[in-house]
Amino acid sequence: MAFISYVPEQAAGSELKKLYQKYCGSDGNLDNILKIHSHNPRSMRAHFELYSWLMRGKSELSRLQREMVAVVVSALNHCHY
């Protein structure tokens, strides 16, 4: 598995710290899939906005159906998420 470094929250500048706080989950942690964008905060925002639109935007698929598609694709790709 590839490893991509990320900027720890303690070392993050003010803009990145705000994004870390904005996008952290209910457990207070930021998903690794977003952390990899820490070197480019603009891409972190774009990734989150795309994900939000895909999962919550107007669609003929329900939220449950979208989650099911994501699970199947992740399993097929041997993704641990």
PDB file of N, CA and C in Angstrom:
ATOM      1  N   MET A   1       0.844  -1.174   0.000  1.00  0.00           N
ATOM      2  CA  MET A   1       0.000   0.000   0.000  1.00  0.00           C
ATOM      3  C   MET A   1       0.892   1.241   0.000  1.00  0.00           C
ATOM      4  N   ALA A   2       0.529   2.225  -0.764  1.00  0.00           N
ATOM      5  CA  ALA A   2       1.287   3.467  -0.847  1.00  0.00           C
ATOM      6  C   ALA A   2       1.120   4.276   0.436  1.00  0.00           C
ATOM      7  N   PHE A   3       2.087   5.111   0.707  1.00  0.00           N
ATOM      8  CA  PHE A   3       2.009   5.997   1.862  1.00  0.00           C
ATOM      9  C   PHE A   3       2.204   7.425   1.387  1.00  0.00           C
ATOM     10  N   ILE A   4       1.306   8.276   1.751  1.00  0.00           N
ATOM     11  CA  ILE A   4       1.389   9.693   1.410  1.00  0.00           C
ATOM     12  C   ILE A   4       1.491  10.469   2.714  1.00  0.00           C
ATOM     13  N   SER A   5       2.524  11.279   2.821  1.00  0.00           N
ATOM     14  CA  SER A   5       2.696  12.050   4.055  1.00  0.00           C
ATOM     15  C   SER A   5       1.614  13.123   4.161  1.00  0.00           C
ATOM     16  N   TYR A   6       1.393  13.573   5.370  1.00  0.00           N
ATOM     17  CA  TYR A   6       0.426  14.648   5.599  1.00  0.00           C
ATOM     18  C   TYR A   6       0.966  15.580   6.678  1.00  0.00           C
ATOM     19  N   VAL A   7       0.379  16.749   6.743  1.00  0.00           N
ATOM     20  CA  VAL A   7       0.778  17.747   7.735  1.00  0.00           C
ATOM     21  C   VAL A   7      -0.008  17.476   9.017  1.00  0.00           C
ATOM     22  N   PRO A   8       0.674  17.162  10.126  1.00  0.00           N
ATOM     23  CA  PRO A   8      -0.041  16.957  11.391  1.00  0.00           C
ATOM     24  C   PRO A   8      -0.756  18.244  11.810  1.00  0.00           C
ATOM     25  N   GLU A   9      -1.852  18.100  12.522  1.00  0.00           N
ATOM     26  CA  GLU A   9      -2.636  19.275  12.919  1.00  0.00           C
ATOM     27  C   GLU A   9      -1.794  20.270  13.715  1.00  0.00           C
ATOM     28  N   GLN A  10      -0.890  19.770  14.550  1.00  0.00           N
ATOM     29  CA  GLN A  10      -0.056  20.649  15.367  1.00  0.00           C
ATOM     30  C   GLN A  10       0.855  21.523  14.501  1.00  0.00           C
ATOM     31  N   ALA A  11       1.204  21.058  13.308  1.00  0.00           N
ATOM     32  CA  ALA A  11       2.107  21.799  12.423  1.00  0.00           C
ATOM     33  C   ALA A  11       1.357  22.570  11.337  1.00  0.00           C
ATOM     34  N   ALA A  12       0.049  22.459  11.333  1.00  0.00           N
ATOM     35  CA  ALA A  12      -0.758  23.087  10.278  1.00  0.00           C
ATOM     36  C   ALA A  12      -0.838  24.592  10.458  1.00  0.00           C
ATOM     37  N   GLY A  13      -0.856  25.302   9.336  1.00  0.00           N
ATOM     38  CA  GLY A  13      -1.080  26.743   9.365  1.00  0.00           C
ATOM     39  C   GLY A  13      -2.534  27.032   9.678  1.00  0.00           C
ATOM     40  N   SER A  14      -2.877  28.294   9.802  1.00  0.00           N
ATOM     41  CA  SER A  14      -4.231  28.665  10.238  1.00  0.00           C
ATOM     42  C   SER A  14      -5.314  28.180   9.274  1.00  0.00           C
ATOM     43  N   GLU A  15      -5.095  28.313   7.956  1.00  0.00           N
ATOM     44  CA  GLU A  15      -6.108  27.867   6.989  1.00  0.00           C
ATOM     45  C   GLU A  15      -6.327  26.359   7.087  1.00  0.00           C
ATOM     46  N   LEU A  16      -5.238  25.602   7.155  1.00  0.00           N
ATOM     47  CA  LEU A  16      -5.345  24.147   7.229  1.00  0.00           C
ATOM     48  C   LEU A  16      -5.969  23.710   8.553  1.00  0.00           C
ATOM     49  N   LYS A  17      -5.622  24.369   9.651  1.00  0.00           N
ATOM     50  CA  LYS A  17      -6.221  24.033  10.951  1.00  0.00           C
ATOM     51  C   LYS A  17      -7.737  24.203  10.908  1.00  0.00           C
ATOM     52  N   LYS A  18      -8.195  25.263  10.261  1.00  0.00           N
ATOM     53  CA  LYS A  18      -9.643  25.485  10.139  1.00  0.00           C
ATOM     54  C   LYS A  18     -10.297  24.348   9.370  1.00  0.00           C
ATOM     55  N   LEU A  19      -9.643  23.882   8.307  1.00  0.00           N
ATOM     56  CA  LEU A  19     -10.200  22.774   7.528  1.00  0.00           C
ATOM     57  C   LEU A  19     -10.200  21.486   8.343  1.00  0.00           C
ATOM     58  N   TYR A  20      -9.120  21.240   9.083  1.00  0.00           N
ATOM     59  CA  TYR A  20      -9.072  20.055   9.942  1.00  0.00           C
ATOM     60  C   TYR A  20     -10.257  20.070  10.911  1.00  0.00           C
ATOM     61  N   GLN A  21     -10.509  21.210  11.514  1.00  0.00           N
ATOM     62  CA  GLN A  21     -11.611  21.314  12.475  1.00  0.00           C
ATOM     63  C   GLN A  21     -12.966  21.180  11.783  1.00  0.00           C
ATOM     64  N   LYS A  22     -13.089  21.762  10.612  1.00  0.00           N
ATOM     65  CA  LYS A  22     -14.356  21.739   9.874  1.00  0.00           C
ATOM     66  C   LYS A  22     -14.722  20.330   9.414  1.00  0.00           C
ATOM     67  N   TYR A  23     -13.724  19.566   8.974  1.00  0.00           N
ATOM     68  CA  TYR A  23     -13.997  18.269   8.361  1.00  0.00           C
ATOM     69  C   TYR A  23     -13.774  17.075   9.285  1.00  0.00           C
ATOM     70  N   CYS A  24     -13.386  17.317  10.540  1.00  0.00           N
ATOM     71  CA  CYS A  24     -13.176  16.172  11.433  1.00  0.00           C
ATOM     72  C   CYS A  24     -14.514  15.522  11.766  1.00  0.00           C
ATOM     73  N   GLY A  25     -14.459  14.231  12.020  1.00  0.00           N
ATOM     74  CA  GLY A  25     -15.668  13.478  12.306  1.00  0.00           C
ATOM     75  C   GLY A  25     -16.146  13.675  13.732  1.00  0.00           C
ATOM     76  N   SER A  26     -17.202  12.983  14.067  1.00  0.00           N
ATOM     77  CA  SER A  26     -17.777  13.099  15.411  1.00  0.00           C
ATOM     78  C   SER A  26     -16.811  12.601  16.487  1.00  0.00           C
ATOM     79  N   ASP A  27     -15.835  11.771  16.074  1.00  0.00           N
ATOM     80  CA  ASP A  27     -14.833  11.284  17.022  1.00  0.00           C
ATOM     81  C   ASP A  27     -13.668  12.264  17.192  1.00  0.00           C
ATOM     82  N   GLY A  28     -13.726  13.386  16.461  1.00  0.00           N
ATOM     83  CA  GLY A  28     -12.681  14.394  16.566  1.00  0.00           C
ATOM     84  C   GLY A  28     -11.488  14.158  15.664  1.00  0.00           C
ATOM     85  N   ASN A  29     -11.547  13.113  14.846  1.00  0.00           N
ATOM     86  CA  ASN A  29     -10.439  12.792  13.953  1.00  0.00           C
ATOM     87  C   ASN A  29     -10.795  13.089  12.504  1.00  0.00           C
ATOM     88  N   LEU A  30      -9.772  13.419  11.740  1.00  0.00           N
ATOM     89  CA  LEU A  30      -9.938  13.662  10.312  1.00  0.00           C
ATOM     90  C   LEU A  30      -9.608  12.378   9.568  1.00  0.00           C
ATOM     91  N   ASP A  31     -10.462  11.980   8.633  1.00  0.00           N
ATOM     92  CA  ASP A  31     -10.213  10.765   7.856  1.00  0.00           C
ATOM     93  C   ASP A  31      -8.913  10.897   7.070  1.00  0.00           C
ATOM     94  N   ASN A  32      -8.179   9.791   6.973  1.00  0.00           N
ATOM     95  CA  ASN A  32      -6.915   9.800   6.241  1.00  0.00           C
ATOM     96  C   ASN A  32      -7.094  10.225   4.791  1.00  0.00           C
ATOM     97  N   ILE A  33      -8.220   9.884   4.189  1.00  0.00           N
ATOM     98  CA  ILE A  33      -8.465  10.247   2.799  1.00  0.00           C
ATOM     99  C   ILE A  33      -8.466  11.760   2.621  1.00  0.00           C
ATOM    100  N   LEU A  34      -8.807  12.496   3.665  1.00  0.00           N
ATOM    101  CA  LEU A  34      -8.732  13.960   3.605  1.00  0.00           C
ATOM    102  C   LEU A  34      -7.359  14.466   4.045  1.00  0.00           C
ATOM    103  N   LYS A  35      -6.723  13.769   4.977  1.00  0.00           N
ATOM    104  CA  LYS A  35      -5.400  14.198   5.446  1.00  0.00           C
ATOM    105  C   LYS A  35      -4.385  14.255   4.311  1.00  0.00           C
ATOM    106  N   ILE A  36      -4.516  13.377   3.333  1.00  0.00           N
ATOM    107  CA  ILE A  36      -3.530  13.370   2.252  1.00  0.00           C
ATOM    108  C   ILE A  36      -3.554  14.667   1.451  1.00  0.00           C
ATOM    109  N   HIS A  37      -4.618  15.436   1.596  1.00  0.00           N
ATOM    110  CA  HIS A  37      -4.720  16.721   0.906  1.00  0.00           C
ATOM    111  C   HIS A  37      -4.126  17.868   1.723  1.00  0.00           C
ATOM    112  N   SER A  38      -3.520  17.564   2.852  1.00  0.00           N
ATOM    113  CA  SER A  38      -3.056  18.626   3.748  1.00  0.00           C
ATOM    114  C   SER A  38      -1.970  19.503   3.134  1.00  0.00           C
ATOM    115  N   HIS A  39      -1.276  19.005   2.129  1.00  0.00           N
ATOM    116  CA  HIS A  39      -0.264  19.820   1.452  1.00  0.00           C
ATOM    117  C   HIS A  39      -0.899  20.789   0.459  1.00  0.00           C
ATOM    118  N   ASN A  40      -2.196  20.595   0.200  1.00  0.00           N
ATOM    119  CA  ASN A  40      -2.912  21.452  -0.749  1.00  0.00           C
ATOM    120  C   ASN A  40      -4.341  21.640  -0.235  1.00  0.00           C
ATOM    121  N   PRO A  41      -4.560  22.591   0.679  1.00  0.00           N
ATOM    122  CA  PRO A  41      -5.887  22.783   1.270  1.00  0.00           C
ATOM    123  C   PRO A  41      -7.005  22.963   0.243  1.00  0.00           C
ATOM    124  N   ARG A  42      -6.689  23.567  -0.889  1.00  0.00           N
ATOM    125  CA  ARG A  42      -7.711  23.750  -1.927  1.00  0.00           C
ATOM    126  C   ARG A  42      -8.225  22.393  -2.417  1.00  0.00           C
ATOM    127  N   SER A  43      -7.321  21.431  -2.573  1.00  0.00           N
ATOM    128  CA  SER A  43      -7.764  20.105  -3.017  1.00  0.00           C
ATOM    129  C   SER A  43      -8.557  19.396  -1.919  1.00  0.00           C
ATOM    130  N   MET A  44      -8.247  19.684  -0.639  1.00  0.00           N
ATOM    131  CA  MET A  44      -9.016  19.096   0.458  1.00  0.00           C
ATOM    132  C   MET A  44     -10.461  19.582   0.399  1.00  0.00           C
ATOM    133  N   ARG A  45     -10.633  20.886   0.211  1.00  0.00           N
ATOM    134  CA  ARG A  45     -11.988  21.443   0.100  1.00  0.00           C
ATOM    135  C   ARG A  45     -12.718  20.845  -1.103  1.00  0.00           C
ATOM    136  N   ALA A  46     -12.028  20.757  -2.236  1.00  0.00           N
ATOM    137  CA  ALA A  46     -12.650  20.230  -3.453  1.00  0.00           C
ATOM    138  C   ALA A  46     -13.049  18.768  -3.272  1.00  0.00           C
ATOM    139  N   HIS A  47     -12.184  17.979  -2.636  1.00  0.00           N
ATOM    140  CA  HIS A  47     -12.488  16.568  -2.392  1.00  0.00           C
ATOM    141  C   HIS A  47     -13.732  16.440  -1.515  1.00  0.00           C
ATOM    142  N   PHE A  48     -13.765  17.227  -0.433  1.00  0.00           N
ATOM    143  CA  PHE A  48     -14.902  17.144   0.477  1.00  0.00           C
ATOM    144  C   PHE A  48     -16.189  17.592  -0.201  1.00  0.00           C
ATOM    145  N   GLU A  49     -16.117  18.660  -0.979  1.00  0.00           N
ATOM    146  CA  GLU A  49     -17.310  19.144  -1.683  1.00  0.00           C
ATOM    147  C   GLU A  49     -17.805  18.125  -2.701  1.00  0.00           C
ATOM    148  N   LEU A  50     -16.887  17.486  -3.434  1.00  0.00           N
ATOM    149  CA  LEU A  50     -17.288  16.460  -4.398  1.00  0.00           C
ATOM    150  C   LEU A  50     -17.951  15.291  -3.675  1.00  0.00           C
ATOM    151  N   TYR A  51     -17.320  14.812  -2.608  1.00  0.00           N
ATOM    152  CA  TYR A  51     -17.887  13.706  -1.842  1.00  0.00           C
ATOM    153  C   TYR A  51     -19.276  14.074  -1.314  1.00  0.00           C
ATOM    154  N   SER A  52     -19.397  15.264  -0.760  1.00  0.00           N
ATOM    155  CA  SER A  52     -20.693  15.698  -0.218  1.00  0.00           C
ATOM    156  C   SER A  52     -21.756  15.748  -1.302  1.00  0.00           C
ATOM    157  N   TRP A  53     -21.390  16.257  -2.464  1.00  0.00           N
ATOM    158  CA  TRP A  53     -22.354  16.340  -3.565  1.00  0.00           C
ATOM    159  C   TRP A  53     -22.750  14.944  -4.031  1.00  0.00           C
ATOM    160  N   LEU A  54     -21.770  14.047  -4.151  1.00  0.00           N
ATOM    161  CA  LEU A  54     -22.079  12.688  -4.598  1.00  0.00           C
ATOM    162  C   LEU A  54     -22.978  11.949  -3.611  1.00  0.00           C
ATOM    163  N   MET A  55     -22.737  12.158  -2.321  1.00  0.00           N
ATOM    164  CA  MET A  55     -23.470  11.401  -1.313  1.00  0.00           C
ATOM    165  C   MET A  55     -24.753  12.086  -0.847  1.00  0.00           C
ATOM    166  N   ARG A  56     -24.830  13.409  -0.955  1.00  0.00           N
ATOM    167  CA  ARG A  56     -25.990  14.119  -0.419  1.00  0.00           C
ATOM    168  C   ARG A  56     -26.722  14.982  -1.438  1.00  0.00           C
ATOM    169  N   GLY A  57     -26.148  15.135  -2.625  1.00  0.00           N
ATOM    170  CA  GLY A  57     -26.770  15.972  -3.649  1.00  0.00           C
ATOM    171  C   GLY A  57     -28.004  15.312  -4.249  1.00  0.00           C
ATOM    172  N   LYS A  58     -28.705  16.064  -5.064  1.00  0.00           N
ATOM    173  CA  LYS A  58     -29.911  15.560  -5.713  1.00  0.00           C
ATOM    174  C   LYS A  58     -29.555  14.366  -6.603  1.00  0.00           C
ATOM    175  N   SER A  59     -30.311  13.287  -6.448  1.00  0.00           N
ATOM    176  CA  SER A  59     -30.038  12.065  -7.199  1.00  0.00           C
ATOM    177  C   SER A  59     -31.262  11.161  -7.176  1.00  0.00           C
ATOM    178  N   GLU A  60     -31.334  10.285  -8.150  1.00  0.00           N
ATOM    179  CA  GLU A  60     -32.393   9.276  -8.137  1.00  0.00           C
ATOM    180  C   GLU A  60     -32.062   8.148  -7.169  1.00  0.00           C
ATOM    181  N   LEU A  61     -30.816   8.081  -6.726  1.00  0.00           N
ATOM    182  CA  LEU A  61     -30.416   7.073  -5.747  1.00  0.00           C
ATOM    183  C   LEU A  61     -30.588   7.627  -4.338  1.00  0.00           C
ATOM    184  N   SER A  62     -31.070   6.783  -3.441  1.00  0.00           N
ATOM    185  CA  SER A  62     -31.192   7.197  -2.040  1.00  0.00           C
ATOM    186  C   SER A  62     -29.800   7.237  -1.402  1.00  0.00           C
ATOM    187  N   ARG A  63     -29.713   7.835  -0.242  1.00  0.00           N
ATOM    188  CA  ARG A  63     -28.436   7.871   0.484  1.00  0.00           C
ATOM    189  C   ARG A  63     -27.966   6.451   0.784  1.00  0.00           C
ATOM    190  N   LEU A  64     -28.897   5.581   1.158  1.00  0.00           N
ATOM    191  CA  LEU A  64     -28.555   4.193   1.449  1.00  0.00           C
ATOM    192  C   LEU A  64     -27.991   3.504   0.210  1.00  0.00           C
ATOM    193  N   GLN A  65     -28.621   3.706  -0.941  1.00  0.00           N
ATOM    194  CA  GLN A  65     -28.131   3.090  -2.172  1.00  0.00           C
ATOM    195  C   GLN A  65     -26.725   3.590  -2.510  1.00  0.00           C
ATOM    196  N   ARG A  66     -26.494   4.869  -2.313  1.00  0.00           N
ATOM    197  CA  ARG A  66     -25.167   5.426  -2.589  1.00  0.00           C
ATOM    198  C   ARG A  66     -24.121   4.821  -1.659  1.00  0.00           C
ATOM    199  N   GLU A  67     -24.473   4.668  -0.396  1.00  0.00           N
ATOM    200  CA  GLU A  67     -23.548   4.046   0.556  1.00  0.00           C
ATOM    201  C   GLU A  67     -23.268   2.601   0.161  1.00  0.00           C
ATOM    202  N   MET A  68     -24.300   1.901  -0.305  1.00  0.00           N
ATOM    203  CA  MET A  68     -24.116   0.513  -0.733  1.00  0.00           C
ATOM    204  C   MET A  68     -23.169   0.433  -1.932  1.00  0.00           C
ATOM    205  N   VAL A  69     -23.318   1.342  -2.882  1.00  0.00           N
ATOM    206  CA  VAL A  69     -22.413   1.387  -4.034  1.00  0.00           C
ATOM    207  C   VAL A  69     -20.982   1.629  -3.554  1.00  0.00           C
ATOM    208  N   ALA A  70     -20.811   2.550  -2.627  1.00  0.00           N
ATOM    209  CA  ALA A  70     -19.478   2.859  -2.103  1.00  0.00           C
ATOM    210  C   ALA A  70     -18.851   1.643  -1.424  1.00  0.00           C
ATOM    211  N   VAL A  71     -19.643   0.889  -0.670  1.00  0.00           N
ATOM    212  CA  VAL A  71     -19.137  -0.305   0.007  1.00  0.00           C
ATOM    213  C   VAL A  71     -18.700  -1.355  -1.009  1.00  0.00           C
ATOM    214  N   VAL A  72     -19.518  -1.584  -2.028  1.00  0.00           N
ATOM    215  CA  VAL A  72     -19.186  -2.592  -3.043  1.00  0.00           C
ATOM    216  C   VAL A  72     -17.919  -2.195  -3.796  1.00  0.00           C
ATOM    217  N   VAL A  73     -17.833  -0.942  -4.206  1.00  0.00           N
ATOM    218  CA  VAL A  73     -16.645  -0.478  -4.934  1.00  0.00           C
ATOM    219  C   VAL A  73     -15.405  -0.586  -4.049  1.00  0.00           C
ATOM    220  N   SER A  74     -15.518  -0.204  -2.783  1.00  0.00           N
ATOM    221  CA  SER A  74     -14.384  -0.314  -1.865  1.00  0.00           C
ATOM    222  C   SER A  74     -13.953  -1.768  -1.707  1.00  0.00           C
ATOM    223  N   ALA A  75     -14.903  -2.671  -1.591  1.00  0.00           N
ATOM    224  CA  ALA A  75     -14.576  -4.093  -1.456  1.00  0.00           C
ATOM    225  C   ALA A  75     -13.882  -4.610  -2.716  1.00  0.00           C
ATOM    226  N   LEU A  76     -14.404  -4.247  -3.874  1.00  0.00           N
ATOM    227  CA  LEU A  76     -13.788  -4.681  -5.133  1.00  0.00           C
ATOM    228  C   LEU A  76     -12.367  -4.140  -5.287  1.00  0.00           C
ATOM    229  N   ASN A  77     -12.125  -2.958  -4.752  1.00  0.00           N
ATOM    230  CA  ASN A  77     -10.797  -2.341  -4.822  1.00  0.00           C
ATOM    231  C   ASN A  77      -9.896  -2.738  -3.653  1.00  0.00           C
ATOM    232  N   HIS A  78     -10.386  -3.646  -2.789  1.00  0.00           N
ATOM    233  CA  HIS A  78      -9.639  -4.076  -1.603  1.00  0.00           C
ATOM    234  C   HIS A  78      -9.267  -2.887  -0.723  1.00  0.00           C
ATOM    235  N   CYS A  79     -10.182  -1.943  -0.632  1.00  0.00           N
ATOM    236  CA  CYS A  79      -9.985  -0.748   0.182  1.00  0.00           C
ATOM    237  C   CYS A  79     -10.458  -1.043   1.606  1.00  0.00           C
ATOM    238  N   HIS A  80      -9.722  -0.579   2.580  1.00  0.00           N
ATOM    239  CA  HIS A  80     -10.059  -0.856   3.983  1.00  0.00           C
ATOM    240  C   HIS A  80     -11.071   0.115   4.568  1.00  0.00           C
ATOM    241  N   TYR A  81     -11.530   1.082   3.796  1.00  0.00           N
ATOM    242  CA  TYR A  81     -12.474   2.066   4.317  1.00  0.00           C
ATOM    243  C   TYR A  81     -13.880   1.559   4.199  1.00  0.00           C
TER     244      TYR A  81
END
